Amino acid sequence: MSYLTADGSSNFGSMLSQLLMVDQIEPGSVPSYQLCKGLYLFHPVGLKMAESPIRMAQSQQRQISVGTGPKDDLQRTFIEQWRTDGASKVIFQHATLARIYGIASIALVVDGKKPDALIDFSELHKLKIAFSVFDPLNTSGSLILNQNPDAIDFLKVPDGVRVSGQNYHKSRVRVMMNEQPIYLGYTASSFGYVGRSVYQRALFPLKSFIQSMITDDLVTLKAGVLIAKIKQPGSVIDNVMSSIAAVKRMFVKVATTGNVVQIGEDDEITSLNLQNLDGVHDSARKHIIENIATAADMPAKLLLQETFAEGFGEGTEDTKHVARFIDRTREELEPDYRFMDDIVMHRAWNPDYYETLKAKYPDDLGSKDYRQFFYEARNSFTAKWPNLLTEPDSEKAVAEKAKHDAIIGTVETLAPLIKDPENRARLVTWVCDNLNENKIMFPAPLNLDEDAMIEYQPEPSEGDRDELQEPAPPRIRGDAADNIRKLPALR
């Protein structure tokens, strides 16, 4: 549809108002690439539709843990490198563009290397890198998706992308779609049979929102209008009375707080009555925003700018609904995080850093080579999102106490059954690891040496020494003694 494409003007503001004000926009109209850009840049709700779920999903930091080696050093180095590379910002930009247009791509760009070249990630720490985020116009023609149902890549994202005729290697690219592709469902904003823009179903209510803004503007303009009810002059002295009425209107117009205005006994000054607009307009505007949120499949709370009746720690139905939505958004971001995790790990835990760790922890890392160290650390790496519904410290303490009682019960049950020092040491280590997770009740960590517990042998007490002495030979009496005496002497 021509009314959904750019008219050649570089003024997005006028383009947005002209496109959204036309009568031809109906439910089911498809937005173009240019209109999606205009909605994001200028529509009051456009930015929140695209960005607010991602911002809320990234409002908490992931809980990073490494299960092997010097854990604290590895975690700290990874987090520092993550911030240095700006990984969270890259993921945010990628996910936002995918919601705006329906598809977007991340590419790892290496200075001095062609985009289609395979990069040895173990050398990333020596290279100057950057991350480029491409929208559908940058990658148009390479992300159309195969529509042949018999093909192995039917409706599957290609291995690589092409930008300005230059191919990018599949190991350096990550593509994200907003929603799943539909067979022969062409998306105008993405130039392909791919995902859809978050604005596609909400285009008609987005137009209605502009109408509500026009109503607000008209109400603001008319709210200051004063109505002067002045007695009309007679026909004989029309000109004189008209001049006097004009003077009265001028005095009313220029009067401010602290002034006194004199009017006739039969005159009256009132303001324009706009009371009937209050309830109807507010209700209509709220319904419009709720329709936009429904079309975008997101909680209306994120667009209404209303405060929650209770905080996220209260666990009310509104907050639970928003929390479930954010959890789903985090799952959609997970492939991007895995892509960035692998790059950041290679840059943070590089061979030079490993040599530093060997000098610092010779007993733990002395016998391992770099590849063994890196893959052990990467395989034990976990990143977990914290719960958006945070509990108060009082409830956290109750939950931690229950865990503490469960640990004690487990030890009391298993300790009498375990006799060998190896398994007893493992049991104690398990207790220490679980207690150290409880930062509320035990801020200081408990660290015990498992090897020392295995090798330790207690000194025997006095009673134990008597038991360890060789017992005296038994005395032989009776017939057995007589028979032994009759035996010939050993020669």
Protein backbone atom coordinates (compact mmCIF):
# COMPACT_ATOMS: atom_id res chain seq x y z
CA MET A 1 0.00 0.00 0.00
CA SER A 2 1.43 3.31 -1.06
CA TYR A 3 0.20 5.17 2.02
CA LEU A 4 2.38 2.95 4.19
CA THR A 5 5.63 3.82 2.41
CA ALA A 6 7.79 6.93 2.53
CA ASP A 7 6.66 9.85 0.38
CA GLY A 8 10.17 11.01 -0.35
CA SER A 9 10.27 13.48 2.52
CA SER A 10 13.10 13.32 5.04
CA ASN A 11 10.84 14.69 7.81
CA PHE A 12 9.77 11.59 9.77
CA GLY A 13 7.58 13.62 12.09
CA SER A 14 5.30 14.93 9.33
CA MET A 15 5.44 11.52 7.61
CA LEU A 16 4.27 9.81 10.80
CA SER A 17 1.34 12.17 11.32
CA GLN A 18 0.31 11.99 7.67
CA LEU A 19 0.43 8.20 7.52
CA LEU A 20 -1.37 7.61 10.81
CA MET A 21 -4.06 10.20 10.07
CA VAL A 22 -5.27 8.73 6.78
CA ASP A 23 -8.64 7.00 6.78
CA GLN A 24 -7.38 3.99 4.80
CA ILE A 25 -5.49 2.50 7.77
CA GLU A 26 -7.67 -0.33 9.02
CA PRO A 27 -7.15 -3.38 11.25
CA GLY A 28 -4.87 -5.70 9.29
CA SER A 29 -2.87 -3.00 7.51
CA VAL A 30 0.80 -3.93 7.14
CA PRO A 31 3.47 -1.38 8.17
CA SER A 32 6.47 -0.83 5.94
CA TYR A 33 10.11 -0.60 6.96
CA GLN A 34 9.92 3.20 6.86
CA LEU A 35 6.75 3.35 8.95
CA CYS A 36 8.21 1.02 11.59
CA LYS A 37 11.20 3.33 11.83
CA GLY A 38 8.91 6.34 12.19
CA LEU A 39 6.82 4.64 14.87
CA TYR A 40 9.93 3.83 16.90
CA LEU A 41 11.45 7.29 16.51
CA PHE A 42 8.40 9.50 17.01
CA HIS A 43 5.35 7.66 18.31
CA PRO A 44 4.96 8.17 22.08
CA VAL A 45 4.27 4.47 22.63
CA GLY A 46 6.55 3.14 19.89
CA LEU A 47 9.76 3.18 21.90
CA LYS A 48 8.19 1.50 24.94
CA MET A 49 6.74 -1.30 22.79
CA ALA A 50 10.16 -2.10 21.40
CA GLU A 51 12.46 -1.43 24.35
CA SER A 52 10.59 -1.86 27.65
CA PRO A 53 10.55 -5.72 27.69
CA ILE A 54 14.28 -5.84 26.96
CA ARG A 55 15.10 -3.16 29.53
CA MET A 56 13.11 -4.95 32.21
CA ALA A 57 14.67 -8.32 31.33
CA GLN A 58 18.16 -6.82 31.65
CA SER A 59 17.32 -4.81 34.78
CA GLN A 60 19.03 -7.53 36.86
CA GLN A 61 22.49 -8.96 36.36
CA ARG A 62 22.89 -12.66 35.70
CA GLN A 63 24.38 -14.74 38.51
CA ILE A 64 27.66 -16.03 37.06
CA SER A 65 29.34 -19.11 38.54
CA VAL A 66 32.22 -21.36 37.48
CA GLY A 67 32.44 -24.83 38.99
CA THR A 68 36.17 -25.50 38.62
CA GLY A 69 39.53 -23.85 39.20
CA PRO A 70 39.92 -20.53 41.04
CA LYS A 71 36.20 -19.73 40.84
CA ASP A 72 36.28 -16.18 42.19
CA ASP A 73 39.04 -15.07 39.82
CA LEU A 74 37.36 -16.63 36.81
CA GLN A 75 34.00 -15.04 37.62
CA ARG A 76 35.50 -11.60 38.24
CA THR A 77 37.55 -11.67 35.02
CA PHE A 78 34.57 -12.76 32.94
CA ILE A 79 32.32 -10.00 34.32
CA GLU A 80 34.99 -7.35 33.75
CA GLN A 81 35.49 -8.47 30.12
CA TRP A 82 31.72 -8.60 29.57
CA ARG A 83 31.45 -4.96 30.62
CA THR A 84 34.49 -3.94 28.60
CA ASP A 85 33.06 -5.44 25.41
CA GLY A 86 29.62 -3.89 26.07
CA ALA A 87 27.91 -7.23 25.52
CA SER A 88 24.66 -6.31 27.29
CA LYS A 89 24.26 -3.17 25.16
CA VAL A 90 24.82 -5.16 21.96
CA ILE A 91 22.16 -7.70 22.94
CA PHE A 92 19.76 -4.89 23.85
CA GLN A 93 20.21 -3.20 20.49
CA HIS A 94 19.86 -6.51 18.63
CA ALA A 95 16.64 -7.50 20.40
CA THR A 96 15.17 -4.01 20.00
CA LEU A 97 15.74 -3.95 16.24
CA ALA A 98 14.24 -7.43 15.94
CA ARG A 99 11.07 -6.20 17.67
CA ILE A 100 10.91 -3.06 15.51
CA TYR A 101 11.30 -4.72 12.09
CA GLY A 102 10.79 -8.45 12.72
CA ILE A 103 14.40 -9.57 12.22
CA ALA A 104 17.91 -8.30 13.01
CA SER A 105 21.48 -9.65 13.08
CA ILE A 106 24.67 -9.39 15.17
CA ALA A 107 28.04 -9.72 13.45
CA LEU A 108 31.49 -10.01 15.00
CA VAL A 109 33.75 -7.62 13.10
CA VAL A 110 37.53 -8.11 13.36
CA ASP A 111 39.96 -5.42 12.27
CA GLY A 112 42.14 -6.69 9.41
CA LYS A 113 40.03 -9.83 8.78
CA LYS A 114 37.52 -10.30 6.00
CA PRO A 115 33.92 -10.81 7.15
CA ASP A 116 33.72 -14.27 5.54
CA ALA A 117 36.95 -15.51 7.19
CA LEU A 118 36.85 -18.10 9.98
CA ILE A 119 38.24 -16.65 13.20
CA ASP A 120 40.22 -18.66 15.73
CA PHE A 121 38.48 -17.65 18.94
CA SER A 122 41.55 -18.51 21.00
CA GLU A 123 43.27 -15.53 19.31
CA LEU A 124 40.45 -13.07 19.99
CA HIS A 125 42.27 -11.47 22.91
CA LYS A 126 44.98 -10.31 20.50
CA LEU A 127 42.59 -8.85 17.92
CA LYS A 128 40.70 -5.57 17.75
CA ILE A 129 37.04 -6.49 17.53
CA ALA A 130 33.66 -4.78 17.41
CA PHE A 131 30.03 -5.84 17.15
CA SER A 132 27.77 -4.58 14.38
CA VAL A 133 23.99 -4.84 14.61
CA PHE A 134 22.22 -4.96 11.24
CA ASP A 135 18.58 -4.18 10.50
CA PRO A 136 16.66 -5.81 7.59
CA LEU A 137 17.62 -3.08 5.14
CA ASN A 138 21.31 -3.84 5.73
CA THR A 139 20.81 -7.58 5.14
CA SER A 140 18.00 -7.41 2.55
CA GLY A 141 18.17 -10.24 0.06
CA SER A 142 20.05 -12.66 2.34
CA LEU A 143 17.38 -13.34 4.97
CA ILE A 144 14.34 -14.08 2.82
CA LEU A 145 14.05 -17.75 3.98
CA ASN A 146 13.39 -20.72 1.72
CA GLN A 147 9.70 -21.34 0.92
CA ASN A 148 10.19 -24.82 -0.58
CA PRO A 149 8.52 -27.28 1.84
CA ASP A 150 10.77 -30.14 0.62
CA ALA A 151 14.03 -28.27 1.25
CA ILE A 152 16.12 -28.99 4.33
CA ASP A 153 16.35 -25.26 5.08
CA PHE A 154 12.59 -24.68 4.75
CA LEU A 155 11.75 -21.53 6.76
CA LYS A 156 15.11 -21.77 8.53
CA VAL A 157 17.46 -18.87 9.08
CA PRO A 158 20.47 -19.06 6.73
CA ASP A 159 23.89 -19.90 8.15
CA GLY A 160 25.27 -16.49 7.30
CA VAL A 161 24.18 -13.04 6.19
CA ARG A 162 25.23 -10.76 3.37
CA VAL A 163 25.68 -7.03 3.85
CA SER A 164 26.38 -4.77 0.86
CA GLY A 165 27.37 -7.82 -1.18
CA GLN A 166 29.81 -9.08 1.48
CA ASN A 167 29.15 -12.47 3.10
CA TYR A 168 29.71 -12.99 6.84
CA HIS A 169 30.93 -16.32 8.19
CA LYS A 170 28.24 -18.23 10.08
CA SER A 171 30.41 -18.54 13.21
CA ARG A 172 30.48 -14.74 13.52
CA VAL A 173 26.78 -14.04 13.04
CA ARG A 174 23.67 -14.40 15.18
CA VAL A 175 20.18 -13.75 13.71
CA MET A 176 17.08 -13.04 15.82
CA MET A 177 13.46 -12.98 14.69
CA ASN A 178 10.47 -11.52 16.49
CA GLU A 179 7.88 -14.31 16.31
CA GLN A 180 8.14 -17.32 14.02
CA PRO A 181 8.00 -17.18 10.21
CA ILE A 182 4.77 -18.23 8.45
CA TYR A 183 4.69 -20.00 5.11
CA LEU A 184 4.25 -17.40 2.35
CA GLY A 185 3.69 -14.76 5.01
CA TYR A 186 5.74 -11.88 3.63
CA THR A 187 6.79 -9.18 6.09
CA ALA A 188 7.14 -5.79 4.40
CA SER A 189 9.20 -4.29 7.23
CA SER A 190 11.75 -7.14 7.04
CA PHE A 191 11.90 -7.64 3.26
CA GLY A 192 11.38 -11.38 3.61
CA TYR A 193 9.24 -14.28 4.77
CA VAL A 194 10.49 -13.93 8.31
CA GLY A 195 9.19 -12.72 11.69
CA ARG A 196 6.91 -9.74 12.21
CA SER A 197 7.24 -6.29 13.68
CA VAL A 198 5.76 -5.65 17.10
CA TYR A 199 3.80 -2.80 15.45
CA GLN A 200 2.09 -4.96 12.82
CA ARG A 201 -1.05 -5.95 14.76
CA ALA A 202 -1.07 -2.69 16.72
CA LEU A 203 -1.03 -0.31 13.74
CA PHE A 204 -4.72 0.67 13.97
CA PRO A 205 -4.76 1.40 17.74
CA LEU A 206 -1.48 3.28 17.29
CA LYS A 207 -3.36 5.54 14.89
CA SER A 208 -6.17 5.90 17.44
CA PHE A 209 -3.59 6.96 20.04
CA ILE A 210 -2.56 9.87 17.79
CA GLN A 211 -6.23 10.87 17.66
CA SER A 212 -6.35 10.91 21.45
CA MET A 213 -3.31 13.20 21.47
CA ILE A 214 -5.09 15.58 19.11
CA THR A 215 -8.04 15.58 21.51
CA ASP A 216 -5.69 16.40 24.39
CA ASP A 217 -4.26 19.26 22.39
CA LEU A 218 -7.72 20.66 21.59
CA VAL A 219 -8.80 20.39 25.22
CA THR A 220 -5.67 22.25 26.27
CA LEU A 221 -6.35 25.01 23.76
CA LYS A 222 -9.99 25.39 24.76
CA ALA A 223 -9.58 24.98 28.51
CA GLY A 224 -8.51 28.63 28.91
CA VAL A 225 -11.40 30.09 26.93
CA LEU A 226 -13.56 32.54 28.94
CA ILE A 227 -17.17 33.21 27.96
CA ALA A 228 -18.41 36.73 28.71
CA LYS A 229 -22.19 36.91 28.79
CA ILE A 230 -22.78 40.63 28.23
CA LYS A 231 -26.22 42.17 27.78
CA GLN A 232 -26.74 43.12 24.16
CA PRO A 233 -27.18 46.86 23.43
CA GLY A 234 -30.32 48.34 21.97
CA SER A 235 -30.67 49.33 18.30
CA VAL A 236 -30.44 53.10 18.90
CA ILE A 237 -27.00 53.17 20.48
CA ASP A 238 -25.42 50.06 18.85
CA ASN A 239 -22.06 51.68 18.09
CA VAL A 240 -21.54 53.16 21.55
CA MET A 241 -22.60 50.02 23.43
CA SER A 242 -20.54 47.84 21.13
CA SER A 243 -17.46 49.89 21.96
CA ILE A 244 -18.21 49.59 25.69
CA ALA A 245 -18.66 45.79 25.31
CA ALA A 246 -15.33 45.58 23.51
CA VAL A 247 -13.66 47.44 26.40
CA LYS A 248 -15.24 44.99 28.87
CA ARG A 249 -13.92 42.03 26.90
CA MET A 250 -10.46 43.59 26.80
CA PHE A 251 -10.42 44.06 30.58
CA VAL A 252 -11.48 40.44 31.07
CA LYS A 253 -8.79 39.26 28.66
CA VAL A 254 -5.91 41.10 30.30
CA ALA A 255 -7.03 40.57 33.91
CA THR A 256 -4.76 38.38 36.05
CA THR A 257 -4.58 37.26 39.66
CA GLY A 258 -4.86 40.27 41.99
CA ASN A 259 -6.84 42.42 39.53
CA VAL A 260 -10.44 43.58 40.02
CA VAL A 261 -12.80 43.55 37.02
CA GLN A 262 -16.08 45.40 37.03
CA ILE A 263 -18.99 43.96 35.04
CA GLY A 264 -22.61 44.87 34.71
CA GLU A 265 -25.38 43.55 36.91
CA ASP A 266 -26.75 41.45 34.06
CA ASP A 267 -23.30 40.33 32.79
CA GLU A 268 -21.70 36.96 33.58
CA ILE A 269 -18.22 35.50 32.95
CA THR A 270 -17.73 31.71 32.86
CA SER A 271 -15.24 29.21 31.41
CA LEU A 272 -15.91 26.71 28.64
CA ASN A 273 -17.61 23.60 30.08
CA LEU A 274 -15.42 20.55 29.25
CA GLN A 275 -16.58 18.34 32.09
CA ASN A 276 -18.27 15.85 29.79
CA LEU A 277 -14.93 15.01 28.14
CA ASP A 278 -13.20 13.90 31.31
CA GLY A 279 -14.50 10.39 31.88
CA VAL A 280 -15.15 9.47 28.25
CA HIS A 281 -11.75 10.59 26.95
CA ASP A 282 -9.76 8.99 29.77
CA SER A 283 -11.62 5.70 29.35
CA ALA A 284 -11.13 5.70 25.58
CA ARG A 285 -7.42 6.48 25.91
CA LYS A 286 -6.93 3.66 28.41
CA HIS A 287 -8.73 1.21 26.13
CA ILE A 288 -6.56 2.29 23.21
CA ILE A 289 -3.37 1.56 25.17
CA GLU A 290 -4.77 -1.78 26.33
CA ASN A 291 -5.55 -2.66 22.71
CA ILE A 292 -1.99 -1.77 21.74
CA ALA A 293 -0.62 -3.98 24.52
CA THR A 294 -2.90 -6.84 23.51
CA ALA A 295 -1.81 -6.55 19.88
CA ALA A 296 1.85 -6.58 20.94
CA ASP A 297 1.29 -9.53 23.34
CA MET A 298 2.67 -7.66 26.34
CA PRO A 299 1.24 -6.57 29.72
CA ALA A 300 -0.65 -3.28 29.52
CA LYS A 301 1.07 -2.20 32.76
CA LEU A 302 4.27 -1.66 30.79
CA LEU A 303 2.55 0.93 28.57
CA LEU A 304 0.07 2.55 30.94
CA GLN A 305 2.79 4.05 33.15
CA GLU A 306 0.75 3.05 36.19
CA THR A 307 2.56 2.14 39.37
CA PHE A 308 2.02 -1.33 40.77
CA ALA A 309 -0.25 -1.47 43.81
CA GLU A 310 2.46 -3.52 45.48
CA GLY A 311 6.10 -4.05 44.66
CA PHE A 312 7.51 -7.07 42.89
CA GLY A 313 8.22 -8.66 46.26
CA GLU A 314 4.51 -8.90 47.09
CA GLY A 315 3.77 -11.42 44.35
CA THR A 316 0.35 -10.04 43.34
CA GLU A 317 -1.38 -11.18 40.15
CA ASP A 318 -0.25 -8.12 38.18
CA THR A 319 3.37 -8.55 39.16
CA LYS A 320 3.23 -12.30 38.53
CA HIS A 321 1.88 -11.69 35.04
CA VAL A 322 4.64 -9.20 34.28
CA ALA A 323 7.26 -11.54 35.79
CA ARG A 324 6.14 -14.42 33.56
CA PHE A 325 6.34 -12.13 30.54
CA ILE A 326 9.87 -11.05 31.45
CA ASP A 327 10.92 -14.68 32.01
CA ARG A 328 9.72 -15.50 28.51
CA THR A 329 11.65 -12.51 27.15
CA ARG A 330 14.80 -13.77 28.89
CA GLU A 331 14.36 -17.17 27.25
CA GLU A 332 14.17 -15.47 23.85
CA LEU A 333 17.40 -13.58 24.64
CA GLU A 334 19.24 -16.74 25.76
CA PRO A 335 20.75 -17.59 22.30
CA ASP A 336 22.23 -14.08 22.13
CA TYR A 337 23.74 -14.48 25.58
CA ARG A 338 25.29 -17.85 24.67
CA PHE A 339 26.78 -16.30 21.53
CA MET A 340 28.30 -13.44 23.52
CA ASP A 341 29.34 -15.72 26.41
CA ASP A 342 31.57 -17.79 24.14
CA ILE A 343 33.31 -14.72 22.74
CA VAL A 344 33.79 -13.12 26.16
CA MET A 345 35.15 -16.38 27.66
CA HIS A 346 37.84 -16.64 24.98
CA ARG A 347 38.81 -13.02 25.48
CA ALA A 348 38.77 -13.15 29.30
CA TRP A 349 40.30 -16.61 29.91
CA ASN A 350 43.08 -16.30 27.32
CA PRO A 351 46.49 -18.07 27.44
CA ASP A 352 48.22 -15.06 29.01
CA TYR A 353 45.63 -14.95 31.79
CA TYR A 354 46.08 -18.69 32.30
CA GLU A 355 49.82 -18.25 32.86
CA THR A 356 49.02 -15.68 35.53
CA LEU A 357 46.68 -18.12 37.24
CA LYS A 358 49.30 -20.88 37.15
CA ALA A 359 51.74 -18.64 38.99
CA LYS A 360 49.06 -17.70 41.51
CA TYR A 361 47.60 -21.20 42.01
CA PRO A 362 50.38 -23.69 41.16
CA ASP A 363 48.82 -26.57 43.08
CA ASP A 364 45.46 -26.33 41.29
CA LEU A 365 46.60 -25.63 37.73
CA GLY A 366 50.20 -26.78 37.52
CA SER A 367 49.51 -30.05 35.68
CA LYS A 368 46.90 -28.75 33.21
CA ASP A 369 47.53 -27.28 29.79
CA TYR A 370 45.58 -24.27 28.55
CA ARG A 371 43.05 -26.16 26.43
CA GLN A 372 42.16 -28.50 29.29
CA PHE A 373 41.81 -25.56 31.67
CA PHE A 374 39.65 -23.52 29.27
CA TYR A 375 37.21 -26.29 28.36
CA GLU A 376 36.83 -27.38 31.98
CA ALA A 377 36.02 -23.79 32.94
CA ARG A 378 33.64 -23.29 30.01
CA ASN A 379 31.81 -26.57 30.61
CA SER A 380 31.32 -25.70 34.29
CA PHE A 381 30.18 -22.13 33.50
CA THR A 382 26.59 -21.31 34.44
CA ALA A 383 24.65 -18.05 34.20
CA LYS A 384 21.29 -17.87 35.95
CA TRP A 385 18.79 -15.05 35.97
CA PRO A 386 17.64 -13.99 39.44
CA ASN A 387 13.97 -14.16 40.23
CA LEU A 388 12.19 -10.94 39.27
CA LEU A 389 9.81 -11.43 42.20
CA THR A 390 12.34 -10.59 44.91
CA GLU A 391 11.46 -11.66 48.44
CA PRO A 392 11.93 -9.45 51.51
CA ASP A 393 14.96 -10.25 53.67
CA SER A 394 12.71 -11.63 56.42
CA GLU A 395 11.18 -14.22 54.07
CA LYS A 396 14.60 -15.02 52.62
CA ALA A 397 15.91 -15.71 56.14
CA VAL A 398 13.01 -18.13 56.79
CA ALA A 399 13.73 -19.97 53.54
CA GLU A 400 17.45 -20.14 54.28
CA LYS A 401 16.76 -21.49 57.76
CA ALA A 402 14.69 -24.28 56.22
CA LYS A 403 17.61 -25.13 53.92
CA HIS A 404 19.97 -25.04 56.90
CA ASP A 405 17.79 -27.52 58.82
CA ALA A 406 17.68 -29.80 55.78
CA ILE A 407 21.49 -29.77 55.56
CA ILE A 408 21.79 -30.70 59.25
CA GLY A 409 19.26 -33.50 58.82
CA THR A 410 21.17 -34.91 55.85
CA VAL A 411 24.46 -34.89 57.75
CA GLU A 412 22.92 -36.53 60.82
CA THR A 413 21.50 -39.29 58.61
CA LEU A 414 24.55 -40.00 56.44
CA ALA A 415 27.47 -39.37 58.81
CA PRO A 416 26.98 -42.56 60.91
CA LEU A 417 26.79 -44.64 57.71
CA ILE A 418 29.98 -43.29 56.13
CA LYS A 419 33.20 -44.75 57.58
CA ASP A 420 35.87 -44.11 54.92
CA PRO A 421 37.63 -40.74 55.13
CA GLU A 422 37.19 -39.93 51.41
CA ASN A 423 33.41 -39.91 51.48
CA ARG A 424 33.32 -38.23 54.90
CA ALA A 425 35.46 -35.42 53.47
CA ARG A 426 33.12 -35.12 50.49
CA LEU A 427 30.16 -34.85 52.83
CA VAL A 428 31.85 -32.03 54.75
CA THR A 429 32.70 -30.24 51.49
CA TRP A 430 29.08 -30.52 50.38
CA VAL A 431 27.98 -28.96 53.67
CA CYS A 432 30.46 -26.08 53.22
CA ASP A 433 29.34 -25.39 49.66
CA ASN A 434 25.68 -25.23 50.65
CA LEU A 435 26.34 -23.09 53.72
CA ASN A 436 28.39 -20.66 51.64
CA GLU A 437 25.39 -20.12 49.38
CA ASN A 438 23.54 -18.63 52.36
CA LYS A 439 24.87 -15.06 52.27
CA ILE A 440 22.19 -13.77 54.64
CA MET A 441 22.93 -15.99 57.63
CA PHE A 442 26.62 -16.66 56.89
CA PRO A 443 28.30 -13.67 55.20
CA ALA A 444 31.81 -15.11 55.70
CA PRO A 445 32.52 -18.27 53.64
CA LEU A 446 33.53 -21.55 55.30
CA ASN A 447 36.50 -23.15 53.54
CA LEU A 448 37.90 -26.52 54.63
CA ASP A 449 40.70 -28.54 53.02
CA GLU A 450 39.22 -31.78 51.69
CA ASP A 451 42.63 -33.37 51.03
CA ALA A 452 43.79 -32.63 54.57
CA MET A 453 40.68 -34.32 55.99
CA ILE A 454 41.36 -37.44 53.92
CA GLU A 455 45.03 -37.70 54.90
CA TYR A 456 44.58 -36.87 58.58
CA GLN A 457 45.17 -39.77 61.02
CA PRO A 458 44.42 -39.01 64.70
CA GLU A 459 46.98 -39.88 67.42
CA PRO A 460 45.83 -42.96 69.44
CA SER A 461 44.88 -42.35 73.09
CA GLU A 462 46.31 -44.31 76.10
CA GLY A 463 43.49 -46.82 76.00
CA ASP A 464 43.91 -47.21 72.26
CA ARG A 465 47.65 -47.89 72.73
CA ASP A 466 46.92 -50.76 75.19
CA GLU A 467 44.54 -52.30 72.69
CA LEU A 468 47.09 -51.97 69.93
CA GLN A 469 49.81 -53.91 71.95
CA GLU A 470 50.44 -57.54 70.91
CA PRO A 471 48.43 -59.85 73.19
CA ALA A 472 50.25 -62.49 75.36
CA PRO A 473 50.18 -66.09 74.05
CA PRO A 474 47.54 -68.23 75.65
CA ARG A 475 48.52 -70.62 78.48
CA ILE A 476 48.15 -74.31 77.69
CA ARG A 477 47.03 -76.58 80.49
CA GLY A 478 45.89 -80.16 81.13
CA ASP A 479 46.49 -83.09 78.77
CA ALA A 480 47.48 -80.81 75.95
CA ALA A 481 50.38 -79.49 78.04
CA ASP A 482 51.59 -83.02 78.89
CA ASN A 483 51.54 -84.03 75.21
CA ILE A 484 53.55 -80.95 74.26
CA ARG A 485 56.23 -81.82 76.86
CA LYS A 486 56.61 -85.31 75.36
CA LEU A 487 57.40 -83.84 71.89
CA PRO A 488 61.07 -84.11 70.94
CA ALA A 489 63.02 -80.90 71.10
CA LEU A 490 63.51 -79.02 67.89
CA ARG A 491 66.98 -79.28 66.68
